[in-house]
Amino acid sequence: YSVFDLRDYGVYDGMYACLTIPKIDLRLPVYLGADNSI
């Protein structure tokens, strides 16, 4: 499940945050909810 529908807050691309891990050169968007479509 998603905690919020971010469109209600003017965030239409669904990104709540970004995760960065320098050691493994990782930069990924963070979305709300953990279903396969996300």
PDB file of all heavy atoms in Angstrom:
ATOM      1  N   TYR A   1       0.824  -1.198   0.000  1.00  0.00           N
ATOM      2  CA  TYR A   1       0.000   0.000   0.000  1.00  0.00           C
ATOM      3  C   TYR A   1       0.868   1.262   0.000  1.00  0.00           C
ATOM      4  O   TYR A   1       1.992   1.256   0.489  1.00  0.00           O
ATOM      5  CB  TYR A   1      -0.919   0.039   1.228  1.00  0.00           C
ATOM      6  CG  TYR A   1      -2.058  -0.961   1.201  1.00  0.00           C
ATOM      7  CD1 TYR A   1      -2.207  -1.874   0.167  1.00  0.00           C
ATOM      8  CD2 TYR A   1      -2.984  -0.990   2.232  1.00  0.00           C
ATOM      9  CE1 TYR A   1      -3.247  -2.784   0.159  1.00  0.00           C
ATOM     10  CE2 TYR A   1      -4.033  -1.902   2.240  1.00  0.00           C
ATOM     11  CZ  TYR A   1      -4.158  -2.795   1.188  1.00  0.00           C
ATOM     12  OH  TYR A   1      -5.188  -3.697   1.199  1.00  0.00           O
ATOM     13  N   SER A   2       0.306   2.335  -0.516  1.00  0.00           N
ATOM     14  CA  SER A   2       0.972   3.635  -0.486  1.00  0.00           C
ATOM     15  C   SER A   2       0.411   4.468   0.667  1.00  0.00           C
ATOM     16  O   SER A   2      -0.808   4.538   0.851  1.00  0.00           O
ATOM     17  CB  SER A   2       0.757   4.357  -1.817  1.00  0.00           C
ATOM     18  OG  SER A   2       1.287   5.661  -1.775  1.00  0.00           O
ATOM     19  N   VAL A   3       1.298   5.079   1.433  1.00  0.00           N
ATOM     20  CA  VAL A   3       0.851   5.896   2.571  1.00  0.00           C
ATOM     21  C   VAL A   3      -0.023   7.053   2.095  1.00  0.00           C
ATOM     22  O   VAL A   3      -1.079   7.339   2.666  1.00  0.00           O
ATOM     23  CB  VAL A   3       2.060   6.452   3.353  1.00  0.00           C
ATOM     24  CG1 VAL A   3       1.591   7.360   4.485  1.00  0.00           C
ATOM     25  CG2 VAL A   3       2.910   5.320   3.905  1.00  0.00           C
ATOM     26  N   PHE A   4       0.400   7.709   1.029  1.00  0.00           N
ATOM     27  CA  PHE A   4      -0.344   8.835   0.460  1.00  0.00           C
ATOM     28  C   PHE A   4      -0.439   8.681  -1.050  1.00  0.00           C
ATOM     29  O   PHE A   4       0.388   8.007  -1.667  1.00  0.00           O
ATOM     30  CB  PHE A   4       0.356  10.173   0.745  1.00  0.00           C
ATOM     31  CG  PHE A   4       0.636  10.456   2.195  1.00  0.00           C
ATOM     32  CD1 PHE A   4       1.936  10.647   2.638  1.00  0.00           C
ATOM     33  CD2 PHE A   4      -0.394  10.554   3.115  1.00  0.00           C
ATOM     34  CE1 PHE A   4       2.211  10.917   3.959  1.00  0.00           C
ATOM     35  CE2 PHE A   4      -0.127  10.817   4.450  1.00  0.00           C
ATOM     36  CZ  PHE A   4       1.174  11.001   4.875  1.00  0.00           C
ATOM     37  N   ASP A   5      -1.424   9.337  -1.624  1.00  0.00           N
ATOM     38  CA  ASP A   5      -1.442   9.568  -3.061  1.00  0.00           C
ATOM     39  C   ASP A   5      -0.749  10.912  -3.270  1.00  0.00           C
ATOM     40  O   ASP A   5      -1.321  11.968  -2.979  1.00  0.00           O
ATOM     41  CB  ASP A   5      -2.868   9.605  -3.593  1.00  0.00           C
ATOM     42  CG  ASP A   5      -2.923   9.739  -5.114  1.00  0.00           C
ATOM     43  OD1 ASP A   5      -1.905  10.150  -5.714  1.00  0.00           O
ATOM     44  OD2 ASP A   5      -3.979   9.451  -5.699  1.00  0.00           O
ATOM     45  N   LEU A   6       0.488  10.871  -3.732  1.00  0.00           N
ATOM     46  CA  LEU A   6       1.286  12.096  -3.804  1.00  0.00           C
ATOM     47  C   LEU A   6       0.710  13.120  -4.775  1.00  0.00           C
ATOM     48  O   LEU A   6       1.070  14.307  -4.709  1.00  0.00           O
ATOM     49  CB  LEU A   6       2.730  11.755  -4.188  1.00  0.00           C
ATOM     50  CG  LEU A   6       3.533  11.016  -3.112  1.00  0.00           C
ATOM     51  CD1 LEU A   6       4.950  10.735  -3.607  1.00  0.00           C
ATOM     52  CD2 LEU A   6       3.586  11.821  -1.817  1.00  0.00           C
ATOM     53  N   ARG A   7      -0.189  12.695  -5.646  1.00  0.00           N
ATOM     54  CA  ARG A   7      -0.827  13.664  -6.542  1.00  0.00           C
ATOM     55  C   ARG A   7      -1.658  14.665  -5.752  1.00  0.00           C
ATOM     56  O   ARG A   7      -1.868  15.803  -6.206  1.00  0.00           O
ATOM     57  CB  ARG A   7      -1.689  12.931  -7.567  1.00  0.00           C
ATOM     58  CG  ARG A   7      -0.892  12.085  -8.561  1.00  0.00           C
ATOM     59  CD  ARG A   7      -1.799  11.254  -9.436  1.00  0.00           C
ATOM     60  NE  ARG A   7      -2.532  10.270  -8.639  1.00  0.00           N
ATOM     61  CZ  ARG A   7      -3.356   9.362  -9.143  1.00  0.00           C
ATOM     62  NH1 ARG A   7      -3.538   9.315 -10.457  1.00  0.00           N
ATOM     63  NH2 ARG A   7      -3.984   8.506  -8.362  1.00  0.00           N
ATOM     64  N   ASP A   8      -2.125  14.262  -4.573  1.00  0.00           N
ATOM     65  CA  ASP A   8      -2.882  15.190  -3.721  1.00  0.00           C
ATOM     66  C   ASP A   8      -1.997  16.310  -3.193  1.00  0.00           C
ATOM     67  O   ASP A   8      -2.502  17.308  -2.666  1.00  0.00           O
ATOM     68  CB  ASP A   8      -3.495  14.436  -2.538  1.00  0.00           C
ATOM     69  CG  ASP A   8      -4.558  13.432  -2.974  1.00  0.00           C
ATOM     70  OD1 ASP A   8      -5.119  13.604  -4.075  1.00  0.00           O
ATOM     71  OD2 ASP A   8      -4.809  12.474  -2.214  1.00  0.00           O
ATOM     72  N   TYR A   9      -0.684  16.140  -3.311  1.00  0.00           N
ATOM     73  CA  TYR A   9       0.270  17.145  -2.834  1.00  0.00           C
ATOM     74  C   TYR A   9       1.061  17.757  -3.999  1.00  0.00           C
ATOM     75  O   TYR A   9       2.111  18.361  -3.783  1.00  0.00           O
ATOM     76  CB  TYR A   9       1.242  16.509  -1.833  1.00  0.00           C
ATOM     77  CG  TYR A   9       0.552  15.884  -0.641  1.00  0.00           C
ATOM     78  CD1 TYR A   9       0.130  14.556  -0.694  1.00  0.00           C
ATOM     79  CD2 TYR A   9       0.304  16.610   0.523  1.00  0.00           C
ATOM     80  CE1 TYR A   9      -0.512  13.963   0.382  1.00  0.00           C
ATOM     81  CE2 TYR A   9      -0.340  16.030   1.606  1.00  0.00           C
ATOM     82  CZ  TYR A   9      -0.748  14.701   1.535  1.00  0.00           C
ATOM     83  OH  TYR A   9      -1.387  14.122   2.617  1.00  0.00           O
ATOM     84  N   GLY A  10       0.548  17.606  -5.197  1.00  0.00           N
ATOM     85  CA  GLY A  10       1.198  18.207  -6.354  1.00  0.00           C
ATOM     86  C   GLY A  10       2.460  17.508  -6.805  1.00  0.00           C
ATOM     87  O   GLY A  10       3.256  18.080  -7.550  1.00  0.00           O
ATOM     88  N   VAL A  11       2.654  16.255  -6.381  1.00  0.00           N
ATOM     89  CA  VAL A  11       3.823  15.474  -6.802  1.00  0.00           C
ATOM     90  C   VAL A  11       3.316  14.405  -7.761  1.00  0.00           C
ATOM     91  O   VAL A  11       2.773  13.390  -7.338  1.00  0.00           O
ATOM     92  CB  VAL A  11       4.543  14.833  -5.603  1.00  0.00           C
ATOM     93  CG1 VAL A  11       5.734  14.007  -6.074  1.00  0.00           C
ATOM     94  CG2 VAL A  11       4.992  15.895  -4.611  1.00  0.00           C
ATOM     95  N   TYR A  12       3.494  14.642  -9.055  1.00  0.00           N
ATOM     96  CA  TYR A  12       2.844  13.788 -10.054  1.00  0.00           C
ATOM     97  C   TYR A  12       3.752  12.686 -10.592  1.00  0.00           C
ATOM     98  O   TYR A  12       3.274  11.788 -11.290  1.00  0.00           O
ATOM     99  CB  TYR A  12       2.323  14.655 -11.201  1.00  0.00           C
ATOM    100  CG  TYR A  12       1.277  15.640 -10.742  1.00  0.00           C
ATOM    101  CD1 TYR A  12       1.603  16.971 -10.520  1.00  0.00           C
ATOM    102  CD2 TYR A  12      -0.020  15.220 -10.482  1.00  0.00           C
ATOM    103  CE1 TYR A  12       0.650  17.867 -10.071  1.00  0.00           C
ATOM    104  CE2 TYR A  12      -0.984  16.115 -10.032  1.00  0.00           C
ATOM    105  CZ  TYR A  12      -0.639  17.435  -9.826  1.00  0.00           C
ATOM    106  OH  TYR A  12      -1.580  18.309  -9.365  1.00  0.00           O
ATOM    107  N   ASP A  13       5.038  12.736 -10.286  1.00  0.00           N
ATOM    108  CA  ASP A  13       5.929  11.665 -10.751  1.00  0.00           C
ATOM    109  C   ASP A  13       6.089  10.560  -9.709  1.00  0.00           C
ATOM    110  O   ASP A  13       6.784   9.567  -9.943  1.00  0.00           O
ATOM    111  CB  ASP A  13       7.301  12.206 -11.149  1.00  0.00           C
ATOM    112  CG  ASP A  13       8.010  12.937 -10.008  1.00  0.00           C
ATOM    113  OD1 ASP A  13       7.569  12.819  -8.853  1.00  0.00           O
ATOM    114  OD2 ASP A  13       9.000  13.633 -10.287  1.00  0.00           O
ATOM    115  N   GLY A  14       5.446  10.722  -8.546  1.00  0.00           N
ATOM    116  CA  GLY A  14       5.437   9.670  -7.540  1.00  0.00           C
ATOM    117  C   GLY A  14       6.668   9.576  -6.662  1.00  0.00           C
ATOM    118  O   GLY A  14       6.707   8.758  -5.743  1.00  0.00           O
ATOM    119  N   MET A  15       7.679  10.410  -6.887  1.00  0.00           N
ATOM    120  CA  MET A  15       8.917  10.303  -6.107  1.00  0.00           C
ATOM    121  C   MET A  15       8.787  11.027  -4.767  1.00  0.00           C
ATOM    122  O   MET A  15       8.543  12.232  -4.732  1.00  0.00           O
ATOM    123  CB  MET A  15      10.099  10.863  -6.905  1.00  0.00           C
ATOM    124  CG  MET A  15      10.600   9.946  -7.985  1.00  0.00           C
ATOM    125  SD  MET A  15      12.177  10.491  -8.704  1.00  0.00           S
ATOM    126  CE  MET A  15      11.602  11.838  -9.740  1.00  0.00           C
ATOM    127  N   TYR A  16       8.980  10.270  -3.699  1.00  0.00           N
ATOM    128  CA  TYR A  16       8.976  10.867  -2.354  1.00  0.00           C
ATOM    129  C   TYR A  16      10.389  11.244  -1.936  1.00  0.00           C
ATOM    130  O   TYR A  16      10.583  12.198  -1.175  1.00  0.00           O
ATOM    131  CB  TYR A  16       8.393   9.873  -1.350  1.00  0.00           C
ATOM    132  CG  TYR A  16       8.187  10.439   0.037  1.00  0.00           C
ATOM    133  CD1 TYR A  16       6.973  11.017   0.388  1.00  0.00           C
ATOM    134  CD2 TYR A  16       9.202  10.400   0.994  1.00  0.00           C
ATOM    135  CE1 TYR A  16       6.782  11.545   1.667  1.00  0.00           C
ATOM    136  CE2 TYR A  16       9.021  10.920   2.258  1.00  0.00           C
ATOM    137  CZ  TYR A  16       7.809  11.500   2.599  1.00  0.00           C
ATOM    138  OH  TYR A  16       7.625  12.026   3.853  1.00  0.00           O
ATOM    139  N   ALA A  17      11.370  10.512  -2.421  1.00  0.00           N
ATOM    140  CA  ALA A  17      12.760  10.734  -2.021  1.00  0.00           C
ATOM    141  C   ALA A  17      13.672  10.047  -3.033  1.00  0.00           C
ATOM    142  O   ALA A  17      13.213   9.435  -4.004  1.00  0.00           O
ATOM    143  CB  ALA A  17      13.009  10.185  -0.613  1.00  0.00           C
ATOM    144  N   CYS A  18      14.985  10.163  -2.799  1.00  0.00           N
ATOM    145  CA  CYS A  18      15.977   9.431  -3.577  1.00  0.00           C
ATOM    146  C   CYS A  18      16.964   8.775  -2.613  1.00  0.00           C
ATOM    147  O   CYS A  18      17.303   9.349  -1.584  1.00  0.00           O
ATOM    148  CB  CYS A  18      16.728  10.356  -4.533  1.00  0.00           C
ATOM    149  SG  CYS A  18      15.881  10.611  -6.099  1.00  0.00           S
ATOM    150  N   LEU A  19      17.396   7.583  -2.985  1.00  0.00           N
ATOM    151  CA  LEU A  19      18.362   6.824  -2.187  1.00  0.00           C
ATOM    152  C   LEU A  19      19.702   6.836  -2.910  1.00  0.00           C
ATOM    153  O   LEU A  19      19.777   6.534  -4.099  1.00  0.00           O
ATOM    154  CB  LEU A  19      17.872   5.389  -2.007  1.00  0.00           C
ATOM    155  CG  LEU A  19      18.798   4.427  -1.267  1.00  0.00           C
ATOM    156  CD1 LEU A  19      18.859   4.793   0.214  1.00  0.00           C
ATOM    157  CD2 LEU A  19      18.314   2.987  -1.432  1.00  0.00           C
ATOM    158  N   THR A  20      20.760   7.171  -2.172  1.00  0.00           N
ATOM    159  CA  THR A  20      22.103   7.214  -2.743  1.00  0.00           C
ATOM    160  C   THR A  20      23.042   6.397  -1.865  1.00  0.00           C
ATOM    161  O   THR A  20      23.064   6.562  -0.645  1.00  0.00           O
ATOM    162  CB  THR A  20      22.627   8.656  -2.839  1.00  0.00           C
ATOM    163  OG1 THR A  20      21.746   9.422  -3.656  1.00  0.00           O
ATOM    164  CG2 THR A  20      24.024   8.692  -3.452  1.00  0.00           C
ATOM    165  N   ILE A  21      23.805   5.495  -2.483  1.00  0.00           N
ATOM    166  CA  ILE A  21      24.813   4.706  -1.763  1.00  0.00           C
ATOM    167  C   ILE A  21      26.118   4.816  -2.545  1.00  0.00           C
ATOM    168  O   ILE A  21      26.310   4.104  -3.544  1.00  0.00           O
ATOM    169  CB  ILE A  21      24.401   3.232  -1.602  1.00  0.00           C
ATOM    170  CG1 ILE A  21      22.996   3.137  -0.994  1.00  0.00           C
ATOM    171  CG2 ILE A  21      25.404   2.498  -0.726  1.00  0.00           C
ATOM    172  CD1 ILE A  21      22.489   1.710  -0.824  1.00  0.00           C
ATOM    173  N   PRO A  22      27.016   5.701  -2.134  1.00  0.00           N
ATOM    174  CA  PRO A  22      28.236   5.956  -2.917  1.00  0.00           C
ATOM    175  C   PRO A  22      29.086   4.721  -3.184  1.00  0.00           C
ATOM    176  O   PRO A  22      29.607   4.554  -4.286  1.00  0.00           O
ATOM    177  CB  PRO A  22      28.984   6.985  -2.056  1.00  0.00           C
ATOM    178  CG  PRO A  22      27.918   7.660  -1.256  1.00  0.00           C
ATOM    179  CD  PRO A  22      26.908   6.600  -0.973  1.00  0.00           C
ATOM    180  N   LYS A  23      29.230   3.830  -2.211  1.00  0.00           N
ATOM    181  CA  LYS A  23      30.142   2.693  -2.363  1.00  0.00           C
ATOM    182  C   LYS A  23      29.785   1.818  -3.555  1.00  0.00           C
ATOM    183  O   LYS A  23      30.670   1.292  -4.251  1.00  0.00           O
ATOM    184  CB  LYS A  23      30.160   1.848  -1.086  1.00  0.00           C
ATOM    185  CG  LYS A  23      31.099   0.643  -1.184  1.00  0.00           C
ATOM    186  CD  LYS A  23      31.122  -0.165   0.097  1.00  0.00           C
ATOM    187  CE  LYS A  23      32.049  -1.375  -0.020  1.00  0.00           C
ATOM    188  NZ  LYS A  23      32.104  -2.164   1.228  1.00  0.00           N
ATOM    189  N   ILE A  24      28.495   1.637  -3.819  1.00  0.00           N
ATOM    190  CA  ILE A  24      28.078   0.761  -4.915  1.00  0.00           C
ATOM    191  C   ILE A  24      27.492   1.567  -6.079  1.00  0.00           C
ATOM    192  O   ILE A  24      26.820   1.005  -6.956  1.00  0.00           O
ATOM    193  CB  ILE A  24      27.069  -0.306  -4.427  1.00  0.00           C
ATOM    194  CG1 ILE A  24      25.846   0.349  -3.777  1.00  0.00           C
ATOM    195  CG2 ILE A  24      27.749  -1.269  -3.465  1.00  0.00           C
ATOM    196  CD1 ILE A  24      24.764  -0.658  -3.373  1.00  0.00           C
ATOM    197  N   ASP A  25      27.736   2.877  -6.084  1.00  0.00           N
ATOM    198  CA  ASP A  25      27.317   3.752  -7.189  1.00  0.00           C
ATOM    199  C   ASP A  25      25.823   3.609  -7.465  1.00  0.00           C
ATOM    200  O   ASP A  25      25.393   3.442  -8.604  1.00  0.00           O
ATOM    201  CB  ASP A  25      28.125   3.436  -8.455  1.00  0.00           C
ATOM    202  CG  ASP A  25      27.941   4.502  -9.537  1.00  0.00           C
ATOM    203  OD1 ASP A  25      27.624   5.652  -9.190  1.00  0.00           O
ATOM    204  OD2 ASP A  25      28.111   4.167 -10.738  1.00  0.00           O
ATOM    205  N   LEU A  26      25.045   3.676  -6.406  1.00  0.00           N
ATOM    206  CA  LEU A  26      23.601   3.510  -6.521  1.00  0.00           C
ATOM    207  C   LEU A  26      22.890   4.831  -6.309  1.00  0.00           C
ATOM    208  O   LEU A  26      23.145   5.541  -5.334  1.00  0.00           O
ATOM    209  CB  LEU A  26      23.111   2.466  -5.502  1.00  0.00           C
ATOM    210  CG  LEU A  26      21.619   2.144  -5.481  1.00  0.00           C
ATOM    211  CD1 LEU A  26      21.403   0.679  -5.102  1.00  0.00           C
ATOM    212  CD2 LEU A  26      20.867   3.035  -4.493  1.00  0.00           C
ATOM    213  N   ARG A  27      22.001   5.166  -7.236  1.00  0.00           N
ATOM    214  CA  ARG A  27      21.109   6.321  -7.109  1.00  0.00           C
ATOM    215  C   ARG A  27      19.754   5.881  -7.628  1.00  0.00           C
ATOM    216  O   ARG A  27      19.605   5.567  -8.808  1.00  0.00           O
ATOM    217  CB  ARG A  27      21.623   7.515  -7.915  1.00  0.00           C
ATOM    218  CG  ARG A  27      22.966   8.060  -7.471  1.00  0.00           C
ATOM    219  CD  ARG A  27      23.378   9.231  -8.347  1.00  0.00           C
ATOM    220  NE  ARG A  27      22.580  10.413  -8.081  1.00  0.00           N
ATOM    221  CZ  ARG A  27      22.523  11.474  -8.899  1.00  0.00           C
ATOM    222  NH1 ARG A  27      23.170  11.458 -10.054  1.00  0.00           N
ATOM    223  NH2 ARG A  27      21.803  12.524  -8.586  1.00  0.00           N
ATOM    224  N   LEU A  28      18.765   5.838  -6.739  1.00  0.00           N
ATOM    225  CA  LEU A  28      17.462   5.323  -7.124  1.00  0.00           C
ATOM    226  C   LEU A  28      16.336   6.175  -6.545  1.00  0.00           C
ATOM    227  O   LEU A  28      16.423   6.645  -5.409  1.00  0.00           O
ATOM    228  CB  LEU A  28      17.296   3.879  -6.628  1.00  0.00           C
ATOM    229  CG  LEU A  28      18.097   2.793  -7.335  1.00  0.00           C
ATOM    230  CD1 LEU A  28      17.996   1.483  -6.561  1.00  0.00           C
ATOM    231  CD2 LEU A  28      17.602   2.599  -8.755  1.00  0.00           C
ATOM    232  N   PRO A  29      15.254   6.352  -7.315  1.00  0.00           N
ATOM    233  CA  PRO A  29      14.082   7.035  -6.777  1.00  0.00           C
ATOM    234  C   PRO A  29      13.365   6.156  -5.764  1.00  0.00           C
ATOM    235  O   PRO A  29      13.379   4.919  -5.872  1.00  0.00           O
ATOM    236  CB  PRO A  29      13.208   7.265  -8.014  1.00  0.00           C
ATOM    237  CG  PRO A  29      13.614   6.196  -8.970  1.00  0.00           C
ATOM    238  CD  PRO A  29      15.075   5.959  -8.722  1.00  0.00           C
ATOM    239  N   VAL A  30      12.751   6.782  -4.773  1.00  0.00           N
ATOM    240  CA  VAL A  30      11.982   6.073  -3.745  1.00  0.00           C
ATOM    241  C   VAL A  30      10.512   6.428  -3.926  1.00  0.00           C
ATOM    242  O   VAL A  30      10.137   7.610  -3.918  1.00  0.00           O
ATOM    243  CB  VAL A  30      12.447   6.463  -2.331  1.00  0.00           C
ATOM    244  CG1 VAL A  30      11.545   5.823  -1.269  1.00  0.00           C
ATOM    245  CG2 VAL A  30      13.904   6.056  -2.118  1.00  0.00           C
ATOM    246  N   TYR A  31       9.684   5.392  -4.101  1.00  0.00           N
ATOM    247  CA  TYR A  31       8.248   5.560  -4.271  1.00  0.00           C
ATOM    248  C   TYR A  31       7.514   5.011  -3.052  1.00  0.00           C
ATOM    249  O   TYR A  31       8.053   4.190  -2.303  1.00  0.00           O
ATOM    250  CB  TYR A  31       7.770   4.833  -5.534  1.00  0.00           C
ATOM    251  CG  TYR A  31       8.437   5.304  -6.799  1.00  0.00           C
ATOM    252  CD1 TYR A  31       9.486   4.586  -7.368  1.00  0.00           C
ATOM    253  CD2 TYR A  31       8.031   6.478  -7.423  1.00  0.00           C
ATOM    254  CE1 TYR A  31      10.100   5.020  -8.537  1.00  0.00           C
ATOM    255  CE2 TYR A  31       8.642   6.920  -8.592  1.00  0.00           C
ATOM    256  CZ  TYR A  31       9.678   6.192  -9.139  1.00  0.00           C
ATOM    257  OH  TYR A  31      10.289   6.619 -10.290  1.00  0.00           O
ATOM    258  N   LEU A  32       6.281   5.448  -2.855  1.00  0.00           N
ATOM    259  CA  LEU A  32       5.481   4.977  -1.726  1.00  0.00           C
ATOM    260  C   LEU A  32       4.719   3.723  -2.123  1.00  0.00           C
ATOM    261  O   LEU A  32       3.981   3.718  -3.111  1.00  0.00           O
ATOM    262  CB  LEU A  32       4.507   6.064  -1.266  1.00  0.00           C
ATOM    263  CG  LEU A  32       5.140   7.369  -0.773  1.00  0.00           C
ATOM    264  CD1 LEU A  32       4.063   8.320  -0.249  1.00  0.00           C
ATOM    265  CD2 LEU A  32       6.181   7.104   0.306  1.00  0.00           C
ATOM    266  N   GLY A  33       4.901   2.661  -1.349  1.00  0.00           N
ATOM    267  CA  GLY A  33       4.280   1.389  -1.656  1.00  0.00           C
ATOM    268  C   GLY A  33       5.284   0.450  -2.283  1.00  0.00           C
ATOM    269  O   GLY A  33       6.223   0.878  -2.954  1.00  0.00           O
ATOM    270  N   ALA A  34       5.098  -0.844  -2.063  1.00  0.00           N
ATOM    271  CA  ALA A  34       6.069  -1.823  -2.554  1.00  0.00           C
ATOM    272  C   ALA A  34       5.399  -2.867  -3.431  1.00  0.00           C
ATOM    273  O   ALA A  34       5.701  -4.055  -3.335  1.00  0.00           O
ATOM    274  CB  ALA A  34       6.779  -2.490  -1.374  1.00  0.00           C
ATOM    275  N   ASP A  35       4.467  -2.441  -4.301  1.00  0.00           N
ATOM    276  CA  ASP A  35       3.892  -3.403  -5.238  1.00  0.00           C
ATOM    277  C   ASP A  35       4.740  -3.465  -6.502  1.00  0.00           C
ATOM    278  O   ASP A  35       5.607  -2.628  -6.743  1.00  0.00           O
ATOM    279  CB  ASP A  35       2.425  -3.083  -5.545  1.00  0.00           C
ATOM    280  CG  ASP A  35       2.244  -1.767  -6.293  1.00  0.00           C
ATOM    281  OD1 ASP A  35       3.225  -1.274  -6.890  1.00  0.00           O
ATOM    282  OD2 ASP A  35       1.114  -1.243  -6.298  1.00  0.00           O
ATOM    283  N   ASN A  36       4.493  -4.467  -7.322  1.00  0.00           N
ATOM    284  CA  ASN A  36       5.346  -4.710  -8.488  1.00  0.00           C
ATOM    285  C   ASN A  36       5.298  -3.580  -9.501  1.00  0.00           C
ATOM    286  O   ASN A  36       6.294  -3.293 -10.176  1.00  0.00           O
ATOM    287  CB  ASN A  36       4.951  -6.032  -9.155  1.00  0.00           C
ATOM    288  CG  ASN A  36       5.415  -7.232  -8.361  1.00  0.00           C
ATOM    289  OD1 ASN A  36       6.451  -7.178  -7.714  1.00  0.00           O
ATOM    290  ND2 ASN A  36       4.656  -8.315  -8.400  1.00  0.00           N
ATOM    291  N   SER A  37       4.156  -2.923  -9.628  1.00  0.00           N
ATOM    292  CA  SER A  37       4.050  -1.848 -10.604  1.00  0.00           C
ATOM    293  C   SER A  37       4.957  -0.676 -10.248  1.00  0.00           C
ATOM    294  O   SER A  37       5.397   0.068 -11.123  1.00  0.00           O
ATOM    295  CB  SER A  37       2.595  -1.368 -10.702  1.00  0.00           C
ATOM    296  OG  SER A  37       2.164  -0.794  -9.481  1.00  0.00           O
ATOM    297  N   ILE A  38       5.242  -0.515  -8.955  1.00  0.00           N
ATOM    298  CA  ILE A  38       6.132   0.554  -8.492  1.00  0.00           C
ATOM    299  C   ILE A  38       7.580   0.091  -8.522  1.00  0.00           C
ATOM    300  O   ILE A  38       8.466   0.809  -9.002  1.00  0.00           O
ATOM    301  CB  ILE A  38       5.736   0.982  -7.061  1.00  0.00           C
ATOM    302  CG1 ILE A  38       4.425   1.770  -7.086  1.00  0.00           C
ATOM    303  CG2 ILE A  38       6.844   1.824  -6.415  1.00  0.00           C
ATOM    304  CD1 ILE A  38       3.903   2.126  -5.719  1.00  0.00           C
TER     305      ILE A  38
END
